[in-house]
Amino acid sequence: MNPRPRLLVLGIALGLALAFSVPPVTAGAAGRPEVAGAPTLPQSAAAQASAQWLARQLTPGGWVPNASDQPSPSFTVNTVLALAAARVDPAGVHAALAYLATDVDGYVTQNGADGPGQLALLILAAEAGGADPTDFGGTNLVARLLATEQPSGLFGTETQVANYAAGNYEQGLALQALGVAGVRGGSRLAAAVHYLVDQQCADGGWSFTAQATDTCVVSATDFTGPDTNSTAPAVQGLAAQGAVTPAVASGALGFYAAGQDADGGWSYYPSSAGAPQSTDPDSTAFVIQALVALGRSPSGPDFVHGSADPVSALLAFQLTSGPGAGAFESSYAPGSPDVTASFQATAAVAGVSFAYPLGLSDGAYWLVASDGVVASLGGAAFHGSMGGQPLNAPIVGLAATPDGGGYWEVASDGGIFAFGDAAYQGSLPHLGVTVDDIVGIAAAPAGGGYWAVAADGGVFAFGTAAFHGSIGGQPLVRPVVGMASTPDGGGYWEAAADSGVFAFGTARFSPLPPTVIAAGATGIVAGPSIVGVAVPGRTITATTT
């Protein structure tokens, strides 16, 4: 069975990732060991290339066309998520969200009622693009999604269930989206969580719809039973709600391990000796995202067998030449770029999380001390630190990778120390450059590089982080205290202690009120559409779009 028609008929065509951090992969970090030679996440270059191809599919009206060259809200909402995952084309993201906001009812209505899957997607896309899902297109998407819940806990109507527009697949999506919106756990969602947990089959997987209308017996010929695609949002939805018990996780991991294809990827139905399947990019992407949600790396020993591994299996579908270069092909039309395969694969190879607002940590964060000790708070994963190790200069800053799976520490002499999935790209001492006034570090959006900034405004770029200029060598009233990069990595801001802000590359300058300048800045942060300067005792934001 080709599962695409069933998914596309829903207007969903999903490619989502909840995701928690990928277990650390660098030496000395905690976590399960990786298999030598197996590629790990994030595959930033691959994600950006795919996202850039998707960005080119956006029309000036902010929508992605379907095969008939008509606007496809489904393609558009998923493209928003892919672009946000790879930190590509924020202007395109905003245009697409503006298009989607023009006809919310037209998109979400399924079989005469609000569709939980469509509402969930819009909530996730709105959050990823910096919009408010409680006031999107003049409607409260969160309230409308909650209103679709039945007494049983199932989101959606029985008519929608019968038409494949509600069921386990959408149940997982709804729980993810509500988690993004801050509605988690408690009595309000107890029935919804309980419903989905009860739908897990004995083999650890979930069927597309409820067991009552499907079955727990896998049959790739009868198109019944648990499948890889439906299991992924179920796992991720429960993870978003903090409801993944050891039994749930063990069952899902066993389901995926038992059904893996010979090349390391996955197909819609689990592969078996009696019914071997052919890997497709959509299913492989879904499984990778589910593994990340369960805290398991797809490059770990449970899923890498010799030269076969999930990440390589997925990357094998990426086109490397021709007009579709960067896009992913489907298994049904080899050699041709495919929108669905591309937006699903982009999120997976980027290794990012849509369970929480992009760029935020839902209360989780790290603190770093001058001796290199890192404190992980609010559930943030500890990836190691320089604490207890000899340092030539004190640590002055910390920057995290886009997926939260690692971070870099920077010392005042420009020494850089990488932990988790943060890749070491060089440092000033390594280059023979002698300084003693580095004050901060900013990570490149794709995670493949970073900038260090000095008190005199000098900027040093490493890895994929491009140099866009600096205030170094020019007179300053007060020293620079920090920097922040734009979402696309095409520019950055420097902030001085007198609240002076200096913009370079694609970063835009917005003057601040004199009262702010008088207060004095201590740091600077950036978001998808704003730059904020932190001053003692207050928060000031200046619009940049």
Protein backbone atom coordinates (compact mmCIF):
# COMPACT_ATOMS: atom_id res chain seq x y z
CA MET A 1 0.00 0.00 0.00
CA ASN A 2 1.11 3.50 -0.77
CA PRO A 3 0.19 5.36 2.46
CA ARG A 4 0.43 8.78 0.85
CA PRO A 5 -3.07 9.02 -0.62
CA ARG A 6 -4.60 8.25 2.76
CA LEU A 7 -2.54 10.95 4.46
CA LEU A 8 -2.86 13.51 1.71
CA VAL A 9 -6.63 13.10 1.54
CA LEU A 10 -6.68 14.41 5.12
CA GLY A 11 -4.93 17.57 4.05
CA ILE A 12 -2.27 16.72 6.60
CA ALA A 13 0.71 15.15 4.81
CA LEU A 14 2.69 15.35 8.00
CA GLY A 15 6.37 15.44 8.71
CA LEU A 16 6.73 16.43 12.34
CA ALA A 17 9.28 15.97 15.04
CA LEU A 18 8.77 16.26 18.67
CA ALA A 19 11.96 16.19 19.92
CA PHE A 20 14.03 16.05 22.90
CA SER A 21 17.79 16.23 22.71
CA VAL A 22 19.73 13.63 20.79
CA PRO A 23 21.99 11.84 23.26
CA PRO A 24 25.50 13.35 23.30
CA VAL A 25 27.90 11.99 20.73
CA THR A 26 31.24 13.53 21.64
CA ALA A 27 33.92 11.91 23.73
CA GLY A 28 33.60 12.47 27.42
CA ALA A 29 29.90 13.30 27.31
CA ALA A 30 27.24 11.26 29.03
CA GLY A 31 24.84 9.04 27.13
CA ARG A 32 24.77 5.90 25.07
CA PRO A 33 27.77 5.30 22.84
CA GLU A 34 27.47 5.92 19.14
CA VAL A 35 28.60 3.46 16.52
CA ALA A 36 31.90 4.52 14.99
CA GLY A 37 31.45 5.87 11.49
CA ALA A 38 27.66 6.21 11.67
CA PRO A 39 26.47 9.74 10.82
CA THR A 40 24.80 11.60 13.66
CA LEU A 41 22.26 14.40 13.90
CA PRO A 42 21.93 17.19 13.09
CA GLN A 43 22.89 16.94 9.43
CA SER A 44 22.78 20.71 9.12
CA ALA A 45 23.97 21.06 5.53
CA ALA A 46 21.45 18.50 4.30
CA ALA A 47 18.62 20.16 6.24
CA GLN A 48 19.47 23.60 4.92
CA ALA A 49 19.76 22.39 1.32
CA SER A 50 16.35 20.74 1.49
CA ALA A 51 14.79 23.75 3.20
CA GLN A 52 16.25 26.10 0.60
CA TRP A 53 14.64 24.03 -2.15
CA LEU A 54 11.34 24.15 -0.28
CA ALA A 55 11.67 27.91 0.13
CA ARG A 56 11.89 28.20 -3.65
CA GLN A 57 8.53 26.44 -3.95
CA LEU A 58 6.78 29.20 -2.03
CA THR A 59 4.89 31.52 -4.37
CA PRO A 60 4.77 35.31 -3.86
CA GLY A 61 1.38 34.72 -2.27
CA GLY A 62 2.97 32.66 0.51
CA TRP A 63 1.63 29.25 -0.52
CA VAL A 64 3.07 26.06 -1.92
CA PRO A 65 1.26 24.63 -4.97
CA ASN A 66 -0.03 21.10 -5.30
CA ALA A 67 0.32 18.91 -8.38
CA SER A 68 -2.45 20.91 -10.06
CA ASP A 69 -0.60 24.17 -9.36
CA GLN A 70 -3.30 25.22 -6.88
CA PRO A 71 -2.61 26.49 -3.35
CA SER A 72 -2.07 23.63 -0.91
CA PRO A 73 -2.57 24.61 2.75
CA SER A 74 -1.25 21.18 3.73
CA PHE A 75 2.01 21.61 1.82
CA THR A 76 2.29 25.18 3.05
CA VAL A 77 1.88 24.47 6.76
CA ASN A 78 4.40 21.64 6.63
CA THR A 79 6.84 23.78 4.65
CA VAL A 80 6.65 26.36 7.45
CA LEU A 81 7.76 23.68 9.90
CA ALA A 82 10.60 22.53 7.66
CA LEU A 83 11.90 26.06 7.10
CA ALA A 84 11.73 26.75 10.81
CA ALA A 85 13.52 23.48 11.56
CA ALA A 86 16.45 24.41 9.34
CA ARG A 87 16.37 28.13 10.23
CA VAL A 88 15.94 29.06 6.57
CA ASP A 89 13.94 31.90 4.97
CA PRO A 90 12.21 33.56 7.95
CA ALA A 91 10.55 36.00 5.54
CA GLY A 92 9.03 33.05 3.69
CA VAL A 93 7.79 31.61 6.97
CA HIS A 94 6.02 34.86 7.80
CA ALA A 95 4.47 35.07 4.32
CA ALA A 96 3.23 31.47 4.55
CA LEU A 97 1.70 32.06 7.97
CA ALA A 98 -0.03 35.17 6.62
CA TYR A 99 -1.52 33.07 3.81
CA LEU A 100 -2.64 30.33 6.20
CA ALA A 101 -4.32 32.91 8.44
CA THR A 102 -6.57 34.08 5.59
CA ASP A 103 -8.76 30.97 5.61
CA VAL A 104 -8.40 28.96 8.78
CA ASP A 105 -11.89 27.51 8.54
CA GLY A 106 -11.36 26.35 4.97
CA TYR A 107 -8.29 24.36 5.98
CA VAL A 108 -9.34 22.90 9.33
CA THR A 109 -12.89 21.82 8.44
CA GLN A 110 -13.03 18.05 7.97
CA ASN A 111 -16.30 16.18 7.50
CA GLY A 112 -18.30 19.15 8.75
CA ALA A 113 -16.30 19.75 11.95
CA ASP A 114 -12.92 21.05 13.07
CA GLY A 115 -10.21 18.53 12.24
CA PRO A 116 -7.82 17.88 15.15
CA GLY A 117 -4.88 17.12 12.86
CA GLN A 118 -5.24 20.35 10.91
CA LEU A 119 -5.65 22.44 14.05
CA ALA A 120 -2.61 20.77 15.58
CA LEU A 121 -0.50 21.54 12.53
CA LEU A 122 -1.52 25.19 12.52
CA ILE A 123 -0.65 25.50 16.21
CA LEU A 124 2.78 23.95 15.66
CA ALA A 125 3.44 26.12 12.60
CA ALA A 126 2.29 29.29 14.33
CA GLU A 127 4.59 28.63 17.28
CA ALA A 128 7.50 27.72 15.03
CA GLY A 129 7.07 30.96 13.08
CA GLY A 130 6.64 33.22 16.09
CA ALA A 131 2.85 33.72 15.75
CA ASP A 132 0.26 33.42 18.52
CA PRO A 133 -1.86 30.26 18.11
CA THR A 134 -4.51 31.68 20.44
CA ASP A 135 -5.07 34.56 18.02
CA PHE A 136 -4.34 33.23 14.55
CA GLY A 137 -6.46 34.44 11.68
CA GLY A 138 -8.88 35.86 14.23
CA THR A 139 -9.42 32.54 16.01
CA ASN A 140 -8.10 30.68 19.05
CA LEU A 141 -6.66 27.50 17.58
CA VAL A 142 -5.88 26.04 21.00
CA ALA A 143 -9.43 26.46 22.28
CA ARG A 144 -10.83 25.00 19.08
CA LEU A 145 -8.56 21.96 19.33
CA LEU A 146 -9.53 21.36 22.96
CA ALA A 147 -13.19 21.64 21.97
CA THR A 148 -12.85 18.65 19.62
CA GLU A 149 -12.15 16.23 22.49
CA GLN A 150 -14.78 13.56 23.14
CA PRO A 151 -15.55 12.23 26.65
CA SER A 152 -13.42 9.20 25.77
CA GLY A 153 -10.41 11.49 25.35
CA LEU A 154 -10.28 11.11 21.56
CA PHE A 155 -9.90 14.32 19.60
CA GLY A 156 -12.31 14.45 16.65
CA THR A 157 -15.71 13.09 15.72
CA GLU A 158 -16.68 9.52 14.93
CA THR A 159 -17.47 10.61 11.37
CA GLN A 160 -13.90 11.86 11.07
CA VAL A 161 -12.63 8.56 12.47
CA ALA A 162 -14.57 6.68 9.80
CA ASN A 163 -13.06 8.95 7.14
CA TYR A 164 -9.48 8.67 8.44
CA ALA A 165 -9.51 12.28 9.66
CA ALA A 166 -9.23 11.39 13.37
CA GLY A 167 -7.62 8.57 15.30
CA ASN A 168 -4.30 7.65 16.85
CA TYR A 169 -2.33 9.59 14.27
CA GLU A 170 -4.14 12.86 14.97
CA GLN A 171 -4.32 12.12 18.70
CA GLY A 172 -0.54 12.22 18.91
CA LEU A 173 -0.41 15.43 16.88
CA ALA A 174 -2.99 17.08 19.11
CA LEU A 175 -1.03 16.25 22.26
CA GLN A 176 2.13 17.63 20.67
CA ALA A 177 0.44 20.87 19.66
CA LEU A 178 -1.16 21.35 23.06
CA GLY A 179 2.22 20.81 24.65
CA VAL A 180 3.63 23.57 22.44
CA ALA A 181 0.79 25.83 23.54
CA GLY A 182 1.51 25.16 27.20
CA VAL A 183 -1.41 22.81 27.85
CA ARG A 184 0.21 19.77 29.41
CA GLY A 185 -0.81 16.97 31.72
CA GLY A 186 -3.19 17.42 34.61
CA SER A 187 -6.85 16.52 34.69
CA ARG A 188 -7.58 18.51 31.53
CA LEU A 189 -5.71 16.05 29.31
CA ALA A 190 -5.79 12.92 31.45
CA ALA A 191 -8.47 11.24 29.33
CA ALA A 192 -6.70 12.15 26.07
CA VAL A 193 -3.39 10.74 27.28
CA HIS A 194 -5.05 7.63 28.70
CA TYR A 195 -6.86 7.03 25.41
CA LEU A 196 -3.62 7.07 23.41
CA VAL A 197 -1.68 4.91 25.87
CA ASP A 198 -4.46 2.30 25.72
CA GLN A 199 -4.19 2.24 21.92
CA GLN A 200 -0.60 0.92 21.98
CA CYS A 201 -0.57 -2.62 20.62
CA ALA A 202 1.26 -5.52 22.21
CA ASP A 203 4.10 -5.22 19.68
CA GLY A 204 4.70 -1.62 20.79
CA GLY A 205 3.22 0.17 17.77
CA TRP A 206 0.06 2.11 17.03
CA SER A 207 -2.44 1.66 14.19
CA PHE A 208 -3.55 4.63 12.11
CA THR A 209 -7.03 4.73 13.60
CA ALA A 210 -8.40 3.13 16.75
CA GLN A 211 -7.98 -0.59 17.33
CA ALA A 212 -11.75 -0.94 17.01
CA THR A 213 -11.66 0.20 13.38
CA ASP A 214 -8.21 -1.16 12.54
CA THR A 215 -6.39 -4.02 14.23
CA CYS A 216 -3.21 -4.85 16.10
CA VAL A 217 -2.27 -7.51 13.55
CA VAL A 218 0.27 -6.16 11.08
CA SER A 219 -0.48 -7.00 7.47
CA ALA A 220 1.24 -5.07 4.70
CA THR A 221 -0.97 -6.88 2.21
CA ASP A 222 -4.28 -6.16 3.99
CA PHE A 223 -3.13 -2.69 5.07
CA THR A 224 -3.94 -3.23 8.72
CA GLY A 225 -2.17 -3.11 12.04
CA PRO A 226 0.46 -0.88 13.62
CA ASP A 227 2.59 1.15 11.24
CA THR A 228 5.76 3.22 11.61
CA ASN A 229 4.12 6.51 10.63
CA SER A 230 1.25 6.38 13.13
CA THR A 231 3.52 5.22 15.93
CA ALA A 232 5.74 8.29 15.53
CA PRO A 233 3.20 11.04 16.41
CA ALA A 234 1.77 8.82 19.16
CA VAL A 235 5.18 8.54 20.79
CA GLN A 236 5.90 12.22 20.30
CA GLY A 237 2.52 13.31 21.63
CA LEU A 238 2.98 11.29 24.81
CA ALA A 239 6.51 12.64 25.18
CA ALA A 240 5.21 16.21 24.82
CA GLN A 241 2.86 15.53 27.71
CA GLY A 242 5.49 13.84 29.88
CA ALA A 243 3.54 10.59 29.60
CA VAL A 244 6.16 8.23 28.14
CA THR A 245 6.46 5.50 30.74
CA PRO A 246 9.26 2.90 30.62
CA ALA A 247 6.74 0.37 29.29
CA VAL A 248 5.56 2.70 26.51
CA ALA A 249 9.13 3.53 25.50
CA SER A 250 10.31 -0.07 25.59
CA GLY A 251 7.40 -1.20 23.46
CA ALA A 252 7.87 1.51 20.83
CA LEU A 253 11.62 0.96 20.61
CA GLY A 254 11.10 -2.76 20.24
CA PHE A 255 8.53 -2.17 17.49
CA TYR A 256 10.96 -0.04 15.52
CA ALA A 257 13.96 -2.30 16.10
CA ALA A 258 12.04 -5.38 14.96
CA GLY A 259 10.63 -3.67 11.86
CA GLN A 260 13.78 -1.99 10.54
CA ASP A 261 14.66 -2.60 6.90
CA ALA A 262 17.92 -4.19 5.81
CA ASP A 263 19.41 -0.86 4.66
CA GLY A 264 18.80 0.77 8.06
CA GLY A 265 15.66 2.69 7.09
CA TRP A 266 11.97 1.99 7.53
CA SER A 267 8.87 1.50 5.39
CA TYR A 268 5.26 2.28 6.24
CA TYR A 269 4.63 -1.21 7.67
CA PRO A 270 7.38 -2.97 9.62
CA SER A 271 9.64 -5.18 7.60
CA SER A 272 9.68 -8.88 8.45
CA ALA A 273 11.18 -12.07 7.09
CA GLY A 274 7.83 -13.06 5.65
CA ALA A 275 7.06 -9.62 4.25
CA PRO A 276 10.24 -7.62 3.58
CA GLN A 277 9.57 -3.96 2.83
CA SER A 278 11.33 -1.22 0.86
CA THR A 279 12.61 1.83 2.71
CA ASP A 280 10.95 5.15 1.95
CA PRO A 281 12.12 8.59 3.11
CA ASP A 282 8.82 9.59 4.70
CA SER A 283 8.68 6.63 7.07
CA THR A 284 12.38 6.78 7.86
CA ALA A 285 12.04 10.45 8.78
CA PHE A 286 9.07 9.69 11.05
CA VAL A 287 10.96 6.97 12.89
CA ILE A 288 14.08 9.09 13.34
CA GLN A 289 11.93 11.81 14.92
CA ALA A 290 10.26 9.29 17.22
CA LEU A 291 13.64 7.91 18.31
CA VAL A 292 14.80 11.40 19.15
CA ALA A 293 11.62 11.93 21.18
CA LEU A 294 12.43 8.78 23.13
CA GLY A 295 15.95 9.98 23.83
CA ARG A 296 17.56 7.45 21.50
CA SER A 297 19.98 8.40 18.78
CA PRO A 298 19.37 6.80 15.37
CA SER A 299 23.15 6.41 15.25
CA GLY A 300 23.21 4.23 18.34
CA PRO A 301 24.01 0.52 18.39
CA ASP A 302 20.36 -0.54 18.52
CA PHE A 303 19.72 0.78 15.02
CA VAL A 304 23.10 0.67 13.25
CA HIS A 305 23.98 -2.70 11.76
CA GLY A 306 27.28 -2.82 9.93
CA SER A 307 27.15 -0.24 7.15
CA ALA A 308 23.35 0.12 7.44
CA ASP A 309 22.11 3.02 9.52
CA PRO A 310 18.97 5.20 9.57
CA VAL A 311 20.60 8.56 8.84
CA SER A 312 22.47 7.28 5.78
CA ALA A 313 19.32 5.52 4.59
CA LEU A 314 17.41 8.81 4.71
CA LEU A 315 20.19 10.88 3.13
CA ALA A 316 20.31 8.41 0.23
CA PHE A 317 17.03 9.96 -0.97
CA GLN A 318 18.45 13.48 -1.18
CA LEU A 319 19.14 14.74 -4.71
CA THR A 320 22.65 16.09 -5.21
CA SER A 321 22.42 17.58 -8.71
CA GLY A 322 20.01 19.08 -11.20
CA PRO A 323 17.24 21.64 -10.63
CA GLY A 324 15.98 19.66 -7.64
CA ALA A 325 19.35 19.53 -5.88
CA GLY A 326 18.88 19.55 -2.12
CA ALA A 327 15.34 18.18 -2.25
CA PHE A 328 14.43 14.63 -1.29
CA GLU A 329 12.90 12.24 -3.79
CA SER A 330 10.08 9.89 -2.96
CA SER A 331 10.37 6.13 -3.35
CA TYR A 332 7.59 6.34 -5.94
CA ALA A 333 9.29 8.79 -8.33
CA PRO A 334 13.06 8.36 -8.09
CA GLY A 335 15.08 11.24 -9.44
CA SER A 336 12.36 13.86 -9.04
CA PRO A 337 12.19 16.34 -6.15
CA ASP A 338 9.20 15.71 -3.91
CA VAL A 339 7.60 18.27 -1.61
CA THR A 340 6.27 15.78 0.95
CA ALA A 341 9.50 13.81 1.22
CA SER A 342 11.45 17.05 1.50
CA PHE A 343 9.53 18.67 4.33
CA GLN A 344 9.38 15.42 6.26
CA ALA A 345 13.09 14.67 5.81
CA THR A 346 14.19 18.25 6.55
CA ALA A 347 12.87 18.14 10.10
CA ALA A 348 14.43 14.71 10.72
CA VAL A 349 17.92 15.50 9.47
CA ALA A 350 17.85 18.86 11.26
CA GLY A 351 17.18 17.04 14.52
CA VAL A 352 15.16 19.91 15.98
CA SER A 353 12.13 19.94 18.23
CA PHE A 354 8.65 21.18 17.43
CA ALA A 355 7.34 20.08 20.82
CA TYR A 356 8.17 23.51 22.22
CA PRO A 357 8.35 26.95 20.63
CA LEU A 358 11.37 27.08 18.37
CA GLY A 359 14.33 28.67 20.10
CA LEU A 360 12.77 28.39 23.55
CA SER A 361 13.39 25.74 26.17
CA ASP A 362 10.09 25.55 28.08
CA GLY A 363 11.77 26.46 31.35
CA ALA A 364 14.93 24.42 30.72
CA TYR A 365 18.26 26.20 30.59
CA TRP A 366 21.93 26.00 31.48
CA LEU A 367 24.08 28.23 33.66
CA VAL A 368 27.85 28.30 33.30
CA ALA A 369 30.31 29.48 35.92
CA SER A 370 33.70 31.08 35.38
CA ASP A 371 35.40 27.78 36.30
CA GLY A 372 33.48 25.98 33.51
CA VAL A 373 30.93 24.20 35.68
CA VAL A 374 27.57 23.88 33.88
CA ALA A 375 24.34 23.66 35.84
CA SER A 376 21.41 22.07 33.96
CA LEU A 377 18.09 23.42 35.18
CA GLY A 378 14.43 22.82 34.39
CA GLY A 379 15.09 19.51 32.67
CA ALA A 380 17.90 20.68 30.38
CA ALA A 381 20.23 17.78 29.55
CA PHE A 382 23.75 17.90 30.91
CA HIS A 383 26.31 17.30 28.17
CA GLY A 384 29.55 17.77 30.12
CA SER A 385 31.61 20.79 31.15
CA MET A 386 35.10 22.13 31.82
CA GLY A 387 34.38 22.10 35.53
CA GLY A 388 37.29 20.64 37.48
CA GLN A 389 39.65 20.82 34.50
CA PRO A 390 42.58 23.27 34.25
CA LEU A 391 41.79 26.49 32.40
CA ASN A 392 44.13 29.15 31.05
CA ALA A 393 41.42 31.79 31.35
CA PRO A 394 37.96 32.01 32.97
CA ILE A 395 34.83 30.94 31.10
CA VAL A 396 32.75 33.96 30.04
CA GLY A 397 29.93 32.52 27.93
CA LEU A 398 27.88 29.55 26.76
CA ALA A 399 25.95 28.91 23.52
CA ALA A 400 23.73 25.94 22.71
CA THR A 401 23.30 24.04 19.45
CA PRO A 402 19.92 24.51 17.70
CA ASP A 403 18.58 21.15 18.88
CA GLY A 404 19.72 21.61 22.47
CA GLY A 405 21.85 18.48 22.19
CA GLY A 406 25.07 20.25 23.05
CA TYR A 407 26.77 23.56 23.80
CA TRP A 408 30.03 25.45 23.60
CA GLU A 409 31.85 27.21 26.43
CA VAL A 410 34.09 30.17 25.61
CA ALA A 411 36.89 31.51 27.76
CA SER A 412 38.13 35.09 27.90
CA ASP A 413 41.20 34.10 25.87
CA GLY A 414 39.00 32.75 23.06
CA GLY A 415 39.33 29.11 23.99
CA ILE A 416 36.31 27.09 22.85
CA PHE A 417 35.17 23.84 24.47
CA ALA A 418 32.51 21.67 22.81
CA PHE A 419 30.13 19.21 24.48
CA GLY A 420 27.32 16.94 23.30
CA ASP A 421 26.55 17.37 19.60
CA ALA A 422 28.30 20.75 19.50
CA ALA A 423 31.16 20.36 17.00
CA TYR A 424 34.50 21.99 17.75
CA GLN A 425 35.34 24.34 14.89
CA GLY A 426 38.46 26.03 16.23
CA SER A 427 39.48 28.64 18.78
CA LEU A 428 41.73 31.68 19.06
CA PRO A 429 44.53 29.96 21.01
CA HIS A 430 44.50 27.19 18.41
CA LEU A 431 45.03 29.83 15.73
CA GLY A 432 47.83 31.46 17.70
CA VAL A 433 45.76 34.60 18.36
CA THR A 434 46.37 36.15 21.77
CA VAL A 435 43.48 38.02 23.41
CA ASP A 436 42.18 38.34 26.94
CA ASP A 437 38.92 40.21 26.48
CA ILE A 438 36.45 37.79 24.83
CA VAL A 439 33.04 38.50 26.38
CA GLY A 440 30.58 36.21 24.60
CA ILE A 441 29.72 33.57 22.04
CA ALA A 442 26.80 33.06 19.62
CA ALA A 443 25.95 29.87 17.74
CA ALA A 444 25.31 29.78 14.01
CA PRO A 445 21.67 28.76 13.38
CA ALA A 446 22.54 25.48 11.67
CA GLY A 447 24.84 24.45 14.51
CA GLY A 448 27.96 24.13 12.35
CA GLY A 449 29.82 27.14 13.68
CA TYR A 450 29.95 30.04 16.10
CA TRP A 451 31.15 33.57 16.65
CA ALA A 452 33.16 34.94 19.56
CA VAL A 453 33.07 38.66 20.36
CA ALA A 454 35.62 40.72 22.25
CA ALA A 455 35.11 43.74 24.49
CA ASP A 456 36.58 46.01 21.80
CA GLY A 457 33.91 44.76 19.33
CA GLY A 458 36.13 42.42 17.36
CA VAL A 459 34.26 39.38 16.01
CA PHE A 460 35.87 36.03 15.28
CA ALA A 461 34.02 33.52 13.08
CA PHE A 462 34.49 29.74 13.09
CA GLY A 463 33.06 26.87 11.04
CA THR A 464 29.95 27.78 9.03
CA ALA A 465 29.57 31.09 10.87
CA ALA A 466 30.37 33.81 8.31
CA PHE A 467 32.10 37.06 9.19
CA HIS A 468 29.81 40.03 8.46
CA GLY A 469 31.90 42.84 9.92
CA SER A 470 32.41 44.24 13.41
CA ILE A 471 32.87 47.42 15.43
CA GLY A 472 36.40 46.33 16.27
CA GLY A 473 39.00 49.07 15.74
CA GLN A 474 36.43 51.85 16.04
CA PRO A 475 36.06 54.12 19.08
CA LEU A 476 33.58 52.93 21.70
CA VAL A 477 32.09 54.85 24.62
CA ARG A 478 31.67 51.63 26.60
CA PRO A 479 32.91 48.08 25.90
CA VAL A 480 30.90 45.44 24.05
CA VAL A 481 29.17 42.99 26.40
CA GLY A 482 27.61 40.44 24.03
CA MET A 483 26.33 39.47 20.59
CA ALA A 484 23.42 37.64 18.98
CA SER A 485 22.92 36.28 15.47
CA THR A 486 19.93 36.65 13.16
CA PRO A 487 17.75 33.54 12.69
CA ASP A 488 19.24 32.87 9.24
CA GLY A 489 22.84 33.43 10.33
CA GLY A 490 23.25 36.18 7.74
CA GLY A 491 24.08 38.82 10.30
CA TYR A 492 24.45 39.66 13.97
CA TRP A 493 24.20 42.42 16.52
CA GLU A 494 26.79 43.56 19.06
CA ALA A 495 25.64 45.28 22.25
CA ALA A 496 27.77 47.65 24.30
CA ALA A 497 27.51 48.43 28.00
CA ASP A 498 25.88 51.79 27.27
CA SER A 499 23.07 49.96 25.36
CA GLY A 500 24.58 50.86 22.03
CA VAL A 501 23.63 48.28 19.39
CA PHE A 502 25.65 47.66 16.22
CA ALA A 503 24.15 45.66 13.35
CA PHE A 504 26.03 43.75 10.67
CA GLY A 505 25.02 41.65 7.67
CA THR A 506 21.27 41.08 7.48
CA ALA A 507 20.76 42.27 11.06
CA ARG A 508 18.71 45.47 11.11
CA PHE A 509 19.35 48.35 13.47
CA SER A 510 16.50 49.87 15.45
CA PRO A 511 17.28 52.86 17.70
CA LEU A 512 16.40 52.51 21.36
CA PRO A 513 14.91 55.18 23.64
CA PRO A 514 17.44 57.43 25.43
CA THR A 515 16.26 56.11 28.79
CA VAL A 516 17.38 52.64 27.77
CA ILE A 517 20.78 53.88 26.68
CA ALA A 518 21.21 55.54 30.05
CA ALA A 519 20.36 52.33 31.88
CA GLY A 520 23.22 50.33 30.39
CA ALA A 521 23.00 46.93 28.71
CA THR A 522 24.28 43.63 29.98
CA GLY A 523 23.54 41.40 26.99
CA ILE A 524 21.56 40.87 23.81
CA VAL A 525 19.33 38.09 22.45
CA ALA A 526 17.60 37.57 19.12
CA GLY A 527 14.37 35.92 17.99
CA PRO A 528 12.70 35.20 14.62
CA SER A 529 11.46 38.78 14.31
CA ILE A 530 12.85 40.84 17.18
CA VAL A 531 16.10 41.79 18.80
CA GLY A 532 16.01 42.43 22.50
CA VAL A 533 18.55 44.29 24.61
CA ALA A 534 18.65 43.30 28.25
CA VAL A 535 19.14 46.18 30.66
CA PRO A 536 19.28 46.06 34.45
CA GLY A 537 15.83 45.52 35.89
CA ARG A 538 13.85 45.62 32.66
CA THR A 539 13.41 44.07 29.20
CA ILE A 540 13.26 46.24 26.10
CA THR A 541 12.48 44.92 22.63
CA ALA A 542 13.02 46.73 19.36
CA THR A 543 11.18 45.58 16.25
CA THR A 544 13.39 44.68 13.33
CA THR A 545 10.83 43.63 10.72
